[in-house]
Protein backbone atom coordinates (compact mmCIF):
# COMPACT_ATOMS: atom_id res chain seq x y z
CA MET A 1 85.44 41.66 -4.41
CA LYS A 2 83.37 39.07 -3.42
CA SER A 3 79.74 38.64 -4.58
CA VAL A 4 76.75 38.42 -2.25
CA ALA A 5 73.31 37.15 -2.41
CA LEU A 6 70.70 38.28 0.03
CA HIS A 7 67.49 36.71 1.08
CA ASN A 8 64.82 38.00 3.43
CA LEU A 9 61.97 36.27 5.18
CA GLY A 10 59.55 37.66 7.49
CA CYS A 11 58.31 41.08 8.79
CA LYS A 12 59.03 44.59 7.49
CA VAL A 13 61.46 45.10 10.52
CA ASN A 14 63.58 42.04 8.81
CA ALA A 15 63.17 43.93 5.38
CA TYR A 16 64.21 47.02 7.24
CA GLU A 17 67.15 45.35 8.42
CA MET A 18 68.17 43.59 5.10
CA ASP A 19 68.32 46.83 3.42
CA ILE A 20 70.80 48.04 5.97
CA MET A 21 73.01 45.01 5.56
CA GLN A 22 73.16 45.48 1.77
CA GLN A 23 73.78 49.08 2.36
CA MET A 24 76.62 48.38 4.39
CA LEU A 25 78.08 45.51 2.07
CA GLN A 26 77.85 48.06 -0.89
CA GLU A 27 79.92 50.73 0.88
CA LYS A 28 82.34 48.28 1.42
CA GLY A 29 82.70 47.04 -2.17
CA TYR A 30 80.89 43.79 -2.23
CA ILE A 31 79.08 42.97 -5.60
CA ILE A 32 75.35 42.21 -4.81
CA VAL A 33 73.56 39.50 -7.13
CA PRO A 34 70.20 37.82 -7.08
CA PHE A 35 69.84 34.98 -4.74
CA HIS A 36 69.15 32.48 -7.50
CA GLU A 37 72.24 32.92 -8.92
CA VAL A 38 75.93 31.46 -7.76
CA ALA A 39 77.60 33.73 -5.24
CA ASP A 40 80.59 33.68 -2.81
CA ILE A 41 78.55 34.34 0.11
CA TYR A 42 74.75 33.86 0.82
CA ILE A 43 72.97 35.93 3.55
CA VAL A 44 69.54 34.61 4.66
CA ASN A 45 67.84 36.99 6.88
CA THR A 46 65.61 34.43 8.97
CA CYS A 47 62.15 34.47 10.67
CA THR A 48 61.05 32.19 13.43
CA VAL A 49 57.46 33.32 14.08
CA THR A 50 55.95 29.92 13.40
CA ASN A 51 57.61 26.39 12.75
CA ILE A 52 56.75 26.93 9.13
CA ALA A 53 58.91 29.99 9.38
CA ASP A 54 61.74 28.07 11.03
CA ARG A 55 61.37 25.48 8.08
CA LYS A 56 61.34 28.08 5.16
CA SER A 57 64.36 29.54 6.77
CA ARG A 58 66.17 26.40 6.95
CA GLN A 59 65.25 25.48 3.25
CA MET A 60 66.64 28.87 1.67
CA LEU A 61 69.89 28.08 3.72
CA HIS A 62 69.98 24.58 2.42
CA GLN A 63 69.32 26.12 -1.10
CA ALA A 64 72.13 28.34 -0.70
CA LYS A 65 74.45 25.65 -0.15
CA ALA A 66 73.32 23.39 -2.51
CA ARG A 67 73.54 26.15 -5.28
CA ASN A 68 77.37 26.63 -4.17
CA PRO A 69 78.94 24.25 -1.75
CA LYS A 70 81.88 26.39 -1.58
CA ALA A 71 80.21 29.60 -0.62
CA ILE A 72 79.91 31.04 2.52
CA VAL A 73 76.43 30.53 3.95
CA VAL A 74 75.30 33.36 6.87
CA ALA A 75 72.28 32.72 8.76
CA VAL A 76 71.19 36.11 10.49
CA GLY A 77 68.41 37.31 12.70
CA CYS A 78 65.56 35.28 14.44
CA TYR A 79 65.80 31.77 13.87
CA VAL A 80 69.51 31.79 15.08
CA GLN A 81 68.33 33.88 17.90
CA THR A 82 65.85 31.31 19.20
CA GLY A 83 67.26 28.05 17.82
CA GLU A 84 71.28 28.67 18.61
CA GLU A 85 71.93 24.84 19.20
CA GLU A 86 70.06 23.84 15.92
CA ALA A 87 72.12 26.61 13.90
CA LYS A 88 75.50 25.44 15.28
CA LYS A 89 74.40 21.69 14.16
CA ASP A 90 73.39 22.95 11.04
CA THR A 91 76.25 21.92 8.24
CA SER A 92 74.84 24.29 5.63
CA ILE A 93 75.47 27.17 7.76
CA ASP A 94 78.94 28.45 8.04
CA LEU A 95 78.07 31.72 10.14
CA ALA A 96 75.46 32.64 12.43
CA ILE A 97 74.95 36.14 13.47
CA GLY A 98 72.14 37.26 16.15
CA ASN A 99 69.73 40.13 15.83
CA ASN A 100 71.59 42.37 18.13
CA LYS A 101 74.79 41.83 15.90
CA LYS A 102 73.10 42.80 12.56
CA LYS A 103 74.90 46.08 12.33
CA GLU A 104 78.43 44.20 12.88
CA LEU A 105 77.67 42.07 9.96
CA VAL A 106 80.50 43.23 7.86
CA SER A 107 83.16 43.25 10.40
CA ILE A 108 82.00 39.55 11.59
CA LEU A 109 81.99 38.61 8.13
CA GLU A 110 85.38 39.70 7.29
CA GLU A 111 87.08 38.30 10.27
CA PHE A 112 85.49 35.12 9.42
CA LEU A 113 86.73 35.10 6.04
CA ARG A 114 90.43 36.12 7.01
CA GLN A 115 90.59 33.48 9.71
CA ARG A 116 89.25 30.95 7.09
CA GLU A 117 92.04 32.15 4.40
CA GLU A 118 94.76 31.74 7.12
CA THR A 119 93.72 28.30 7.94
CA GLY A 120 92.97 27.12 4.45
CA THR A 121 89.83 25.15 5.65
CA GLN A 122 87.35 25.52 8.61
CA THR A 123 87.99 23.19 11.22
CA GLU A 124 85.64 21.49 13.45
CA GLU A 125 87.17 23.21 16.68
CA SER A 126 86.59 26.84 14.51
CA SER A 127 83.04 25.81 13.86
CA GLU A 128 82.17 26.40 17.47
CA LYS A 129 83.20 30.18 16.91
CA THR A 130 80.96 30.61 14.12
CA LEU A 131 77.93 31.98 16.16
CA HIS A 132 77.73 35.42 17.02
CA GLY A 133 75.39 37.38 19.32
CA ALA A 134 72.48 34.84 19.48
CA SER A 135 72.76 34.37 23.10
CA MET A 136 73.20 38.43 23.93
CA ILE A 137 69.56 39.53 24.04
CA ASP A 138 68.49 39.51 27.55
CA ILE A 139 64.78 39.49 27.82
CA ASN A 140 64.81 40.49 31.23
CA ALA A 141 66.69 43.80 30.83
CA SER A 142 66.77 46.76 28.62
CA CYS A 143 69.84 47.82 26.37
CA ASP A 144 70.39 50.40 24.21
CA TYR A 145 68.81 50.48 20.56
CA GLU A 146 71.34 49.21 18.02
CA GLU A 147 71.61 52.81 15.96
CA VAL A 148 71.99 52.21 12.16
CA ARG A 149 70.95 54.51 9.56
CA LEU A 150 69.13 53.68 6.50
CA LYS A 151 69.93 55.89 3.32
CA ARG A 152 67.78 54.13 0.43
CA THR A 153 65.37 51.22 0.49
CA ALA A 154 64.48 48.57 -2.07
CA GLU A 155 61.22 50.62 -2.67
CA HIS A 156 61.29 54.02 -4.83
CA THR A 157 58.33 55.98 -3.36
CA ARG A 158 57.96 54.61 0.40
CA ALA A 159 60.49 54.05 2.91
CA TYR A 160 59.95 51.80 5.81
CA MET A 161 61.86 52.90 8.85
CA LYS A 162 62.51 51.01 12.14
CA ILE A 163 62.00 52.97 15.19
CA GLN A 164 62.00 50.49 17.96
CA ASP A 165 62.96 47.01 18.59
CA GLY A 166 61.81 44.33 20.95
CA CYS A 167 58.37 43.70 22.73
CA ASN A 168 57.27 43.30 26.15
CA GLN A 169 53.86 41.72 25.80
CA PHE A 170 54.36 38.09 25.79
CA CYS A 171 51.24 36.86 23.95
CA SER A 172 50.65 33.18 24.51
CA TYR A 173 51.23 32.20 20.87
CA CYS A 174 54.25 34.28 20.29
CA ILE A 175 58.14 33.63 20.39
CA ILE A 176 58.97 37.22 19.09
CA PRO A 177 59.96 38.84 22.71
CA TYR A 178 62.54 35.82 23.01
CA ALA A 179 63.76 36.50 19.52
CA ARG A 180 63.98 40.08 19.98
CA GLY A 181 64.47 40.81 23.43
CA ARG A 182 62.68 43.87 25.44
CA VAL A 183 61.89 47.09 24.12
CA ARG A 184 64.51 49.12 22.95
CA SER A 185 63.69 52.68 21.43
CA ARG A 186 65.50 54.87 18.87
CA LYS A 187 66.22 58.49 19.67
CA TRP A 188 63.95 60.94 18.26
CA GLU A 189 66.82 63.02 16.88
CA ASP A 190 68.28 59.89 14.91
CA ILE A 191 64.72 59.27 13.58
CA ARG A 192 64.49 62.69 12.15
CA GLN A 193 67.94 62.66 10.68
CA GLU A 194 67.04 59.56 8.75
CA MET A 195 63.84 61.08 7.60
CA GLU A 196 65.66 64.21 6.45
CA GLY A 197 68.25 61.90 4.68
CA LEU A 198 65.29 59.94 2.90
CA ALA A 199 63.91 63.34 1.83
CA GLU A 200 66.96 64.38 0.02
CA ALA A 201 67.01 61.06 -1.70
CA GLY A 202 63.47 61.57 -2.98
CA TYR A 203 61.17 59.65 -0.77
CA LYS A 204 57.72 61.14 -0.06
CA GLU A 205 56.44 58.74 2.33
CA VAL A 206 57.60 57.13 5.42
CA VAL A 207 56.30 54.16 7.27
CA PHE A 208 57.07 53.87 10.98
CA THR A 209 57.79 50.02 11.75
CA GLY A 210 59.02 48.16 14.72
CA ILE A 211 58.24 44.92 16.51
CA HIS A 212 55.83 46.62 18.69
CA ILE A 213 55.81 50.27 18.05
CA SER A 214 53.16 51.41 20.43
CA SER A 215 55.40 50.45 23.01
CA TYR A 216 58.08 53.25 21.56
CA GLY A 217 59.83 55.19 24.52
CA LEU A 218 58.82 52.99 27.33
CA ASP A 219 62.54 52.22 28.02
CA PHE A 220 62.88 56.21 28.24
CA ASP A 221 60.94 56.33 31.38
CA GLU A 222 61.71 53.96 34.18
CA GLU A 223 58.21 54.28 35.88
CA ALA A 224 56.81 53.36 32.61
CA TRP A 225 59.06 50.61 32.04
CA ARG A 226 57.98 49.20 35.17
CA GLN A 227 54.09 49.69 34.55
CA GLY A 228 54.54 48.01 31.01
CA ASN A 229 52.84 51.10 29.27
CA SER A 230 53.03 54.95 29.11
CA LEU A 231 49.29 55.06 29.85
CA THR A 232 47.02 55.17 32.98
CA SER A 233 43.51 53.26 33.09
CA LYS A 234 40.43 53.14 34.70
CA LYS A 235 37.39 50.88 34.07
CA GLU A 236 33.78 51.96 34.22
CA ASN A 237 30.94 49.67 33.11
CA GLY A 238 33.12 46.89 32.12
CA ILE A 239 35.08 49.15 29.52
CA ARG A 240 38.58 50.10 30.66
CA THR A 241 39.48 53.61 29.14
CA TYR A 242 43.02 54.84 28.92
CA THR A 243 44.53 58.51 29.35
CA GLY A 244 47.91 59.86 29.03
CA THR A 245 50.16 60.77 26.04
CA PRO A 246 52.15 57.86 24.23
CA LYS A 247 55.57 58.31 23.60
CA LEU A 248 55.01 57.55 20.05
CA LEU A 249 52.54 60.45 19.58
CA GLU A 250 55.08 62.62 20.98
CA LEU A 251 57.70 61.38 18.22
CA LEU A 252 55.19 62.07 15.53
CA GLU A 253 54.68 65.66 16.80
CA ARG A 254 58.52 66.22 16.92
CA VAL A 255 59.09 64.87 13.10
CA GLN A 256 56.15 65.95 11.28
CA ASP A 257 57.39 68.83 9.82
CA VAL A 258 60.57 67.23 8.05
CA PRO A 259 60.49 69.06 4.57
CA GLY A 260 60.10 66.72 1.55
CA ILE A 261 58.23 64.01 3.69
CA GLU A 262 54.53 64.29 2.72
CA ARG A 263 53.15 61.33 4.41
CA ILE A 264 53.84 59.33 7.45
CA ARG A 265 52.08 55.90 7.73
CA LEU A 266 52.12 53.75 10.93
CA GLY A 267 52.85 50.20 11.29
CA SER A 268 50.58 47.82 13.55
CA LEU A 269 49.31 49.45 16.71
CA GLU A 270 48.16 48.06 20.06
CA PRO A 271 44.42 49.06 20.22
CA ARG A 272 44.98 50.70 23.84
CA ILE A 273 47.35 53.38 22.51
CA ILE A 274 44.39 54.85 20.74
CA THR A 275 42.70 57.12 23.58
CA LYS A 276 40.10 60.04 22.57
CA GLU A 277 42.84 62.52 23.14
CA THR A 278 45.64 60.63 21.27
CA ALA A 279 43.06 60.38 18.24
CA LYS A 280 42.48 64.00 18.44
CA ARG A 281 46.30 64.86 18.45
CA LEU A 282 46.79 62.35 15.66
CA ALA A 283 44.17 64.01 13.40
CA ALA A 284 45.90 67.42 14.03
CA ILE A 285 48.92 65.99 12.40
CA PRO A 286 48.43 66.71 8.56
CA LYS A 287 50.84 64.29 7.29
CA ILE A 288 49.47 61.34 9.18
CA CYS A 289 47.58 58.73 6.80
CA PRO A 290 44.36 57.76 8.06
CA HIS A 291 45.35 54.07 7.90
CA PHE A 292 45.52 52.30 11.01
CA HIS A 293 46.22 48.73 11.67
CA LEU A 294 45.06 47.96 15.08
CA SER A 295 46.02 44.43 15.77
CA LEU A 296 42.73 42.42 17.12
CA GLN A 297 43.47 38.67 16.88
CA SER A 298 40.09 37.45 18.10
CA GLY A 299 36.55 38.90 18.28
CA CYS A 300 35.92 36.61 21.42
CA ASP A 301 36.91 37.82 25.01
CA GLU A 302 37.82 34.35 26.08
CA THR A 303 40.07 33.82 23.45
CA LEU A 304 41.78 37.07 23.81
CA LYS A 305 42.31 36.11 27.38
CA ARG A 306 43.97 32.76 26.47
CA MET A 307 45.97 34.68 24.01
CA ASN A 308 46.90 37.02 27.01
CA ARG A 309 46.16 40.19 25.05
CA HIS A 310 45.46 43.06 27.37
CA TYR A 311 42.29 44.36 26.09
CA THR A 312 38.65 43.11 25.25
CA THR A 313 36.36 43.66 22.44
CA SER A 314 34.31 46.57 23.78
CA GLU A 315 37.55 48.16 24.42
CA TYR A 316 38.82 47.52 20.86
CA LEU A 317 35.56 48.69 19.42
CA GLN A 318 35.85 51.95 21.44
CA CYS A 319 39.15 52.78 19.91
CA VAL A 320 38.08 52.32 16.48
CA GLY A 321 35.18 54.65 17.19
CA TYR A 322 37.70 57.18 18.49
CA LEU A 323 39.36 57.16 15.20
CA ARG A 324 36.14 57.42 13.20
CA GLU A 325 35.11 60.40 15.20
CA VAL A 326 38.12 62.43 14.04
CA PHE A 327 38.92 61.23 10.62
CA ASP A 328 36.87 61.12 7.76
CA ASN A 329 36.32 57.53 6.67
CA PRO A 330 39.52 56.21 7.75
CA ALA A 331 40.94 52.66 6.62
CA ILE A 332 41.24 50.72 9.71
CA THR A 333 42.48 47.05 9.16
CA THR A 334 43.59 44.38 11.58
CA ASP A 335 45.05 40.67 11.93
CA VAL A 336 43.18 37.67 13.02
CA ILE A 337 44.12 34.16 14.25
CA VAL A 338 41.68 31.38 13.48
CA GLY A 339 41.83 28.09 15.53
CA PHE A 340 43.45 29.14 18.40
CA PRO A 341 44.00 26.59 21.20
CA GLY A 342 40.45 26.28 22.62
CA GLU A 343 38.29 27.80 20.15
CA THR A 344 35.07 26.59 20.23
CA GLU A 345 32.50 27.15 17.36
CA GLU A 346 30.63 29.62 19.58
CA GLU A 347 33.73 31.47 20.32
CA PHE A 348 34.22 31.69 16.64
CA GLU A 349 30.81 32.84 15.58
CA ARG A 350 31.50 35.82 18.08
CA THR A 351 34.87 36.70 16.18
CA TYR A 352 32.87 36.44 12.84
CA SER A 353 29.97 38.46 14.08
CA PHE A 354 32.36 41.08 15.82
CA LEU A 355 34.11 41.38 12.72
CA ARG A 356 31.11 42.08 10.54
CA GLU A 357 29.79 44.66 13.26
CA THR A 358 33.42 46.35 13.27
CA ALA A 359 33.26 46.58 9.36
CA LEU A 360 36.97 46.89 8.75
CA TYR A 361 38.93 47.63 5.53
CA GLU A 362 41.15 44.55 5.37
CA MET A 363 41.77 41.75 7.68
CA HIS A 364 44.83 39.70 7.56
CA ILE A 365 43.71 36.19 8.31
CA PHE A 366 46.03 33.73 9.78
CA LYS A 367 45.41 29.89 10.75
CA TYR A 368 46.84 29.38 14.10
CA SER A 369 50.21 27.81 14.09
CA ARG A 370 51.74 25.94 16.82
CA ARG A 371 54.97 27.40 17.84
CA LYS A 372 57.35 25.18 20.05
CA GLY A 373 58.64 27.05 23.04
CA THR A 374 55.19 29.29 23.56
CA VAL A 375 52.57 29.15 26.26
CA ALA A 376 49.86 28.47 23.53
CA ALA A 377 51.72 25.12 22.19
CA LYS A 378 51.05 23.73 25.65
CA LEU A 379 47.19 24.50 25.80
CA PRO A 380 44.61 22.01 25.75
CA GLY A 381 42.07 21.93 22.86
CA GLN A 382 44.25 22.37 19.95
CA VAL A 383 42.01 22.85 16.85
CA PRO A 384 42.13 20.12 13.90
CA THR A 385 43.60 21.77 10.60
CA ALA A 386 40.33 20.90 8.72
CA ILE A 387 38.14 23.12 11.15
CA GLN A 388 40.87 25.77 10.89
CA SER A 389 40.45 25.90 7.03
CA GLU A 390 36.84 25.91 7.17
CA ARG A 391 36.92 28.79 9.47
CA SER A 392 39.60 30.68 7.70
CA SER A 393 37.49 30.54 4.56
CA ARG A 394 34.49 32.11 6.03
CA LEU A 395 36.77 34.88 7.25
CA PHE A 396 38.28 35.50 4.02
CA ALA A 397 34.93 35.57 2.51
CA LEU A 398 33.78 38.18 4.98
CA GLU A 399 37.21 40.28 4.44
CA LYS A 400 36.65 40.20 0.63
CA GLU A 401 32.96 41.36 1.22
CA LEU A 402 33.77 44.27 3.70
CA SER A 403 36.95 45.31 1.72
CA ALA A 404 35.03 45.90 -1.49
CA ALA A 405 32.15 47.89 0.35
CA TYR A 406 34.91 50.09 2.04
CA ARG A 407 36.63 50.83 -1.42
CA ALA A 408 33.22 51.42 -2.88
CA THR A 409 32.75 54.54 -0.62
CA TYR A 410 35.22 56.30 -2.53
CA ILE A 411 33.77 56.19 -5.66
CA GLY A 412 32.57 59.63 -6.80
CA THR A 413 34.85 61.49 -4.26
CA GLU A 414 38.16 63.45 -4.85
CA ALA A 415 41.33 61.42 -3.88
CA GLU A 416 45.41 62.02 -3.48
CA VAL A 417 47.39 59.39 -4.92
CA LEU A 418 51.01 58.80 -4.59
CA PHE A 419 52.05 56.71 -7.74
CA GLU A 420 54.48 54.11 -7.77
CA GLY A 421 54.59 51.90 -10.64
CA GLU A 422 52.50 50.87 -13.74
CA LYS A 423 50.56 48.23 -15.03
CA GLU A 424 49.05 47.28 -18.61
CA LEU A 425 45.54 46.12 -19.07
CA ASN A 426 43.95 45.59 -22.39
CA GLY A 427 46.59 47.29 -24.10
CA LYS A 428 46.12 50.23 -21.91
CA ARG A 429 48.79 51.76 -19.48
CA TYR A 430 47.85 52.67 -16.16
CA GLN A 431 49.96 54.11 -13.39
CA LEU A 432 49.08 52.76 -9.98
CA GLY A 433 49.41 54.22 -6.50
CA HIS A 434 47.80 54.38 -3.12
CA THR A 435 45.84 57.01 -1.12
CA PRO A 436 46.53 57.96 2.31
CA GLN A 437 44.20 55.32 3.27
CA TYR A 438 46.29 52.65 1.00
CA VAL A 439 43.60 52.09 -1.10
CA ARG A 440 44.97 50.95 -4.59
CA VAL A 441 44.25 53.32 -7.45
CA ALA A 442 44.90 53.37 -11.18
CA LEU A 443 45.31 56.57 -13.73
CA GLN A 444 45.30 55.78 -17.48
CA THR A 445 48.18 57.76 -18.77
CA GLU A 446 51.39 57.09 -20.88
CA GLU A 447 53.33 59.58 -18.88
CA ASP A 448 55.45 58.12 -16.11
CA MET A 449 53.95 59.35 -12.65
CA SER A 450 56.21 57.39 -10.49
CA ASN A 451 56.89 59.14 -7.21
CA ARG A 452 54.35 61.86 -7.90
CA ILE A 453 51.34 62.89 -5.86
CA TYR A 454 48.26 63.58 -8.09
CA ARG A 455 44.67 64.63 -7.02
CA GLY A 456 41.73 63.54 -8.88
CA ARG A 457 38.22 61.83 -9.01
CA ILE A 458 37.48 58.32 -8.27
CA THR A 459 35.11 57.05 -11.03
CA GLY A 460 34.72 53.38 -10.47
CA LEU A 461 36.40 49.87 -10.19
CA LEU A 462 39.15 49.15 -12.67
CA GLU A 463 39.47 45.63 -11.76
CA ASP A 464 39.23 43.83 -8.48
CA GLU A 465 40.86 45.89 -5.45
CA ILE A 466 41.75 48.46 -7.71
CA LEU A 467 39.95 51.91 -8.28
CA LEU A 468 40.03 54.24 -11.43
CA ILE A 469 40.83 57.92 -11.08
CA GLU A 470 40.60 60.64 -13.40
């Protein structure tokens, strides 16, 4: 059989889908080889979240063709979806497959190979037929979730599980709704069955991921679909509060008892989904990891409006408060974009002050990257790169300070760790893992503790960002 080399770019959803594609290829007998080796077929799962991501996608495709000019180079995913015409013109790409055709990768590839063998060479006429599915995602209408089940992931202890695709939010800086389409949710029965299969394969932790998992289930309810969310809201004293039961919470309550799965971790959440009632019910699920990534993007209300985010900083802080009321010292992390169009020095200072006040565990900081095709790309007041870099440096320093302070709160306490690998420091062997709060911890031992859960006492800091447990 032919050899295949795969390379993934972008988010955890892309990584999950790459695992699925590799699984399908292996089941058909293809030989998987490292991407840096010479292969018969190269598959690049592309990303288009920024212009830089587009460029990286093109670079990897061109590298593959340069490594073996006779190879079939396959471009898959978001770059293809949003740059269909560009993909057609790129001579390094032999076959381009859109997001909603990934599950048909093998059949599309084999049909392409069959036609190529019949003709001997690929003609200019046939090259027009090499793009599959890129124009089929309709952002104005829903369609069914493209169900494919994962049996094993690249990681050995933690399995990422895709529970939905698509996004209805249309943030002004984001191209993803155009690349992934409307929200499409996976049936809870299929999610549970995949969890059961992963548990049988030995996985103890699953991470629910998707393009916008807070929107899980919106496509199950026509009224919720029209409203844009499954919650109702009211505004008092300038703060909007939400009530109702998110479908994501209902999903968690239906699958939390799968035998063998000890931990359920959630991917990025929309702040609005955390109501007082939702927080209480989350805390009642023993397997839920108290680690919540609440996407913020800016700590300034004026900037949030330009971003088309649907909450204020006061509402965000309220959501954080709900989680801290019902969980014991939960880890709350976020994303922040600096240098968004129109961000003045005063607006940035508001963001800085808000982040210091909120005292989150970790912040993923990104300098705004202008993305062609988005509303933000046309906004006035594009912030110079030098100013973006200066602001980013200040936030990185703040992030390091706050993160260290959060980790220090665990010194002297009992913790439960799921071990994943090992590391040697100063001639000593350590087993590494994470607590439910996703704090990295090390245990000095010669014993292989991989995929085992261990409870002990945190005694101090081993090295930067790693705590020591006994």
